[in-house]
Amino acid sequence: MIQTIKITKIDEVLNLMIEQKHDPAIQRYRSSFLYRGLPNVDYKLETSLSRNCKKKQKNIEKAILRNFTKYAAIDDPKLVDSIWRQLIIGQHHGLPTRLLDWTYSPLMGLHFATSGEDLTCMEQHDSILWKIDIEEMNGLLPDKYRETLSEEKAYLFTVDMLQHLVNDLEQYDADMDKDAMVLLEPPSIDQRIINQYSYFSVIPAQINDIEQFLNDRTNHTVKYIIDKNLRWRIRDVLDQMNINERVVYPGLDGLSAWLKRHYYVK
């Protein structure tokens, strides 16, 4: 079941930033959570493929990936060998895919919950920070997937690990059905992925409503609703911590977006 928590005080945000548990095996503190920030409380957990292709996404997905690979292989010849690389590289460059973006950093999640829209909207509506538990999600996986993680002593799948198990979306969908989804760590193809601490969930075709899946199959998922009157306050804290567009999108575009917001007059 999804737990919904309303955040109305800055102290409640600070608690999010240090939410870790002690691991006696290594005598260190670690987090098992991934985060996804959305700037509008009305936005749903939805893939870009679903938003773009709607009910025809299952029929159109193969054509999208086939044509992307055909034209993009000149820049990345490895695309022809891996469906997972096609999805990741495509998603990274704005292609509609079944991947859903997450980050390991709560600060980065809060950045996306307090940016990415017209600045005049910041105080017009609440925003959202989603949190899922990696260990809980991995526990839903079929046996052979969990065994692979155990054998590799891994927390999440890499492209190579997943490709060794399955390199076909139809087989992946059959394996997952409506009961599970893989969490995938992308290769460090550029500084943007590294800076954003990015991960993806690979949504099976049978899961039509991601939020319903999380509500039915998980107990540790949290939907934090950030009060609209707190958004600028959080935004200013993040800027002081150097969590901003300049870091999230390295290059002149990110620099310009950061300066535009930094000098915005309310």
Protein backbone atom coordinates (compact mmCIF):
# COMPACT_ATOMS: atom_id res chain seq x y z
CA MET A 1 0.00 0.00 0.00
CA ILE A 2 1.20 3.50 -0.82
CA GLN A 3 1.68 5.74 2.19
CA THR A 4 0.89 9.41 1.55
CA ILE A 5 2.70 12.04 3.65
CA LYS A 6 2.14 15.80 3.39
CA ILE A 7 5.28 17.90 3.86
CA THR A 8 4.54 21.37 5.22
CA LYS A 9 7.70 22.16 7.23
CA ILE A 10 11.33 22.39 6.15
CA ASP A 11 12.39 20.10 9.02
CA GLU A 12 10.39 17.28 7.44
CA VAL A 13 12.44 17.68 4.26
CA LEU A 14 15.70 17.57 6.21
CA ASN A 15 14.69 14.20 7.68
CA LEU A 16 14.35 12.86 4.14
CA MET A 17 17.91 13.81 3.33
CA ILE A 18 19.40 11.67 6.10
CA GLU A 19 17.07 8.68 5.90
CA GLN A 20 19.45 5.75 6.15
CA LYS A 21 19.76 2.58 8.19
CA HIS A 22 22.77 0.99 9.82
CA ASP A 23 24.26 -2.04 8.05
CA PRO A 24 26.01 -4.15 10.72
CA ALA A 25 27.88 -6.15 8.07
CA ILE A 26 29.89 -3.11 6.99
CA GLN A 27 29.38 -0.88 10.04
CA ARG A 28 28.14 1.93 7.80
CA TYR A 29 24.84 3.66 7.04
CA ARG A 30 23.10 3.00 3.73
CA SER A 31 19.78 3.74 2.03
CA SER A 32 17.70 1.26 0.04
CA PHE A 33 15.45 3.90 -1.54
CA LEU A 34 15.04 5.46 -4.97
CA TYR A 35 13.26 8.77 -5.55
CA ARG A 36 11.31 10.48 -8.32
CA GLY A 37 10.26 14.12 -8.14
CA LEU A 38 7.35 15.60 -10.08
CA PRO A 39 6.60 19.35 -10.12
CA ASN A 40 2.81 19.01 -10.08
CA VAL A 41 0.69 16.99 -7.67
CA ASP A 42 -1.65 16.10 -10.54
CA TYR A 43 1.10 14.32 -12.51
CA LYS A 44 0.92 10.53 -12.51
CA LEU A 45 3.69 7.94 -12.49
CA GLU A 46 3.68 7.33 -16.22
CA THR A 47 6.30 6.43 -18.82
CA SER A 48 7.05 8.67 -21.78
CA LEU A 49 5.89 5.82 -24.05
CA SER A 50 2.51 5.78 -22.32
CA ARG A 51 2.13 9.56 -22.50
CA ASN A 52 3.13 9.68 -26.16
CA CYS A 53 1.45 6.58 -27.60
CA LYS A 54 -1.34 6.00 -25.08
CA LYS A 55 -3.35 2.81 -25.68
CA LYS A 56 -1.35 1.97 -28.82
CA GLN A 57 1.98 1.86 -27.00
CA LYS A 58 2.26 -1.94 -27.14
CA ASN A 59 1.87 -1.90 -30.91
CA ILE A 60 4.11 1.09 -31.56
CA GLU A 61 7.02 0.35 -29.19
CA LYS A 62 8.83 -2.06 -31.54
CA ALA A 63 8.64 0.38 -34.44
CA ILE A 64 10.02 3.20 -32.30
CA LEU A 65 13.00 1.14 -31.11
CA ARG A 66 13.64 -0.37 -34.54
CA ASN A 67 13.78 3.01 -36.24
CA PHE A 68 15.77 4.60 -33.44
CA THR A 69 18.37 1.85 -33.67
CA LYS A 70 18.48 2.03 -37.47
CA TYR A 71 19.37 5.71 -37.46
CA ALA A 72 21.29 5.93 -34.18
CA ALA A 73 23.60 2.95 -34.74
CA ILE A 74 25.99 5.17 -36.69
CA ASP A 75 26.73 6.95 -33.38
CA ASP A 76 26.52 3.86 -31.16
CA PRO A 77 27.07 0.53 -33.00
CA LYS A 78 26.42 -1.40 -29.75
CA LEU A 79 22.72 -0.53 -29.98
CA VAL A 80 22.02 -3.36 -32.42
CA ASP A 81 23.14 -5.94 -29.83
CA SER A 82 21.10 -4.87 -26.81
CA ILE A 83 17.46 -3.97 -26.40
CA TRP A 84 18.32 -2.54 -22.97
CA ARG A 85 20.93 -0.21 -24.42
CA GLN A 86 18.39 0.92 -27.03
CA LEU A 87 15.94 1.80 -24.27
CA ILE A 88 18.47 3.61 -22.10
CA ILE A 89 20.15 5.62 -24.85
CA GLY A 90 16.78 6.43 -26.37
CA GLN A 91 15.30 7.54 -23.04
CA HIS A 92 18.38 9.65 -22.37
CA HIS A 93 17.84 11.55 -25.62
CA GLY A 94 14.08 12.02 -25.32
CA LEU A 95 12.77 8.92 -27.11
CA PRO A 96 9.42 7.64 -25.78
CA THR A 97 10.23 4.42 -23.90
CA ARG A 98 8.85 2.13 -21.20
CA LEU A 99 11.58 3.25 -18.77
CA LEU A 100 10.72 5.36 -15.73
CA ASP A 101 13.46 7.61 -14.32
CA TRP A 102 14.53 7.42 -10.65
CA THR A 103 17.45 8.75 -8.66
CA TYR A 104 19.30 7.41 -5.65
CA SER A 105 19.62 10.95 -4.29
CA PRO A 106 16.69 12.46 -2.35
CA LEU A 107 18.21 15.88 -3.08
CA MET A 108 18.05 15.21 -6.81
CA GLY A 109 14.48 14.00 -6.44
CA LEU A 110 13.60 17.23 -4.64
CA HIS A 111 15.26 19.19 -7.43
CA PHE A 112 12.89 17.72 -10.01
CA ALA A 113 9.95 18.30 -7.64
CA THR A 114 10.81 22.01 -7.45
CA SER A 115 11.87 22.75 -11.04
CA GLY A 116 11.07 21.94 -14.64
CA GLU A 117 8.05 24.17 -15.08
CA ASP A 118 7.19 27.85 -15.51
CA LEU A 119 8.42 29.61 -12.37
CA THR A 120 5.11 31.45 -12.04
CA CYS A 121 3.51 28.07 -11.21
CA MET A 122 5.70 27.32 -8.19
CA GLU A 123 3.14 28.61 -5.67
CA GLN A 124 0.04 27.52 -7.58
CA HIS A 125 0.08 23.81 -6.75
CA ASP A 126 1.77 21.18 -4.59
CA SER A 127 4.50 18.91 -5.96
CA ILE A 128 5.41 15.25 -5.35
CA LEU A 129 8.39 13.19 -4.27
CA TRP A 130 7.95 9.43 -4.75
CA LYS A 131 10.04 6.90 -2.80
CA ILE A 132 10.35 3.19 -3.51
CA ASP A 133 12.35 0.52 -1.68
CA ILE A 134 14.94 -1.28 -3.84
CA GLU A 135 15.02 -4.34 -1.59
CA GLU A 136 11.25 -4.64 -1.61
CA MET A 137 11.10 -4.29 -5.41
CA ASN A 138 13.83 -6.90 -5.88
CA GLY A 139 11.93 -9.28 -3.60
CA LEU A 140 9.06 -9.32 -6.12
CA LEU A 141 11.28 -10.55 -8.98
CA PRO A 142 11.12 -14.09 -10.39
CA ASP A 143 13.62 -16.54 -8.92
CA LYS A 144 16.16 -16.43 -11.75
CA TYR A 145 16.37 -12.64 -11.54
CA ARG A 146 16.87 -12.67 -7.77
CA GLU A 147 19.44 -15.44 -8.11
CA THR A 148 21.41 -13.37 -10.61
CA LEU A 149 21.49 -10.40 -8.22
CA SER A 150 22.65 -12.70 -5.44
CA GLU A 151 25.35 -14.34 -7.56
CA GLU A 152 26.64 -10.97 -8.71
CA LYS A 153 26.37 -9.55 -5.18
CA ALA A 154 24.48 -6.70 -6.80
CA TYR A 155 21.75 -4.36 -5.64
CA LEU A 156 20.46 -3.45 -9.09
CA PHE A 157 20.82 -4.84 -12.61
CA THR A 158 23.35 -3.55 -15.09
CA VAL A 159 22.77 -3.78 -18.84
CA ASP A 160 25.14 -6.76 -19.11
CA MET A 161 23.52 -8.61 -16.21
CA LEU A 162 20.02 -8.16 -17.60
CA GLN A 163 21.05 -8.98 -21.15
CA HIS A 164 22.56 -12.24 -19.92
CA LEU A 165 19.12 -13.20 -18.60
CA VAL A 166 16.88 -11.81 -21.32
CA ASN A 167 17.37 -9.66 -24.42
CA ASP A 168 13.81 -9.68 -25.68
CA LEU A 169 10.94 -7.51 -24.45
CA GLU A 170 8.30 -10.16 -25.04
CA GLN A 171 10.20 -12.63 -22.86
CA TYR A 172 10.78 -9.95 -20.23
CA ASP A 173 7.05 -9.18 -20.18
CA ALA A 174 6.24 -12.87 -19.80
CA ASP A 175 8.72 -13.19 -16.92
CA MET A 176 7.42 -10.15 -15.04
CA ASP A 177 3.73 -10.41 -15.92
CA LYS A 178 1.87 -7.95 -13.61
CA ASP A 179 3.87 -8.85 -10.52
CA ALA A 180 7.33 -7.27 -10.75
CA MET A 181 9.70 -4.95 -12.58
CA VAL A 182 13.47 -4.72 -12.88
CA LEU A 183 15.44 -1.76 -11.52
CA LEU A 184 18.22 -0.99 -13.98
CA GLU A 185 21.46 0.95 -13.52
CA PRO A 186 22.41 2.76 -16.75
CA PRO A 187 25.98 2.83 -18.04
CA SER A 188 27.82 6.09 -17.37
CA ILE A 189 27.52 7.35 -20.92
CA ASP A 190 27.85 11.02 -19.94
CA GLN A 191 28.16 13.34 -16.98
CA ARG A 192 24.41 14.01 -16.85
CA ILE A 193 23.59 10.42 -15.90
CA ILE A 194 26.37 10.42 -13.31
CA ASN A 195 25.37 13.74 -11.75
CA GLN A 196 21.70 12.80 -11.58
CA TYR A 197 22.53 9.48 -9.85
CA SER A 198 20.12 7.94 -12.36
CA TYR A 199 18.33 4.59 -12.34
CA PHE A 200 15.39 3.21 -14.30
CA SER A 201 12.50 0.89 -13.66
CA VAL A 202 11.63 -1.23 -16.70
CA ILE A 203 7.84 -1.25 -16.79
CA PRO A 204 6.33 -4.52 -18.10
CA ALA A 205 3.66 -4.18 -20.78
CA GLN A 206 1.05 -5.79 -18.52
CA ILE A 207 1.37 -3.08 -15.86
CA ASN A 208 -0.94 -0.38 -17.16
CA ASP A 209 -1.14 1.60 -13.91
CA ILE A 210 2.19 1.96 -12.10
CA GLU A 211 0.68 3.56 -9.03
CA GLN A 212 -1.88 0.77 -8.71
CA PHE A 213 0.92 -1.80 -8.98
CA LEU A 214 2.85 -0.08 -6.18
CA ASN A 215 -0.28 0.15 -4.05
CA ASP A 216 -1.11 -3.53 -4.53
CA ARG A 217 2.37 -5.05 -4.37
CA THR A 218 4.47 -2.91 -2.03
CA ASN A 219 4.36 -1.74 1.59
CA HIS A 220 7.26 0.70 1.71
CA THR A 221 6.33 3.06 -1.13
CA VAL A 222 5.78 6.64 -0.01
CA LYS A 223 4.21 9.55 -1.88
CA TYR A 224 5.37 12.80 -0.30
CA ILE A 225 3.16 15.75 -1.20
CA ILE A 226 5.17 18.95 -0.88
CA ASP A 227 3.08 21.96 0.09
CA LYS A 228 3.14 24.67 -2.55
CA ASN A 229 4.07 27.29 0.05
CA LEU A 230 7.26 25.36 0.83
CA ARG A 231 8.53 24.88 -2.71
CA TRP A 232 10.56 28.09 -3.01
CA ARG A 233 12.06 27.47 0.44
CA ILE A 234 13.20 23.98 -0.57
CA ARG A 235 14.43 25.35 -3.89
CA ASP A 236 16.64 27.90 -2.14
CA VAL A 237 18.09 25.24 0.19
CA LEU A 238 18.91 23.00 -2.77
CA ASP A 239 20.64 25.86 -4.57
CA GLN A 240 22.89 26.44 -1.59
CA MET A 241 23.75 22.72 -1.64
CA ASN A 242 24.72 23.03 -5.33
CA ILE A 243 21.77 20.92 -6.48
CA ASN A 244 20.63 22.89 -9.51
CA GLU A 245 20.32 22.87 -13.31
CA ARG A 246 24.01 23.74 -13.71
CA VAL A 247 24.92 20.40 -12.10
CA VAL A 248 21.96 18.34 -13.32
CA TYR A 249 22.44 19.33 -16.99
CA PRO A 250 26.17 19.99 -17.49
CA GLY A 251 26.75 22.48 -20.29
CA LEU A 252 25.55 25.88 -21.38
CA ASP A 253 21.86 24.91 -21.46
CA GLY A 254 21.92 23.89 -17.81
CA LEU A 255 23.97 26.93 -16.86
CA SER A 256 21.47 29.23 -18.58
CA ALA A 257 18.48 27.51 -16.96
CA TRP A 258 20.07 27.87 -13.53
CA LEU A 259 20.86 31.55 -14.02
CA LYS A 260 17.35 32.21 -15.37
CA ARG A 261 15.79 30.78 -12.21
CA HIS A 262 18.45 32.21 -9.86
CA TYR A 263 17.68 35.74 -11.03
CA TYR A 264 13.91 35.27 -11.36
CA VAL A 265 12.00 38.13 -9.77
CA LYS A 266 8.95 37.00 -7.79
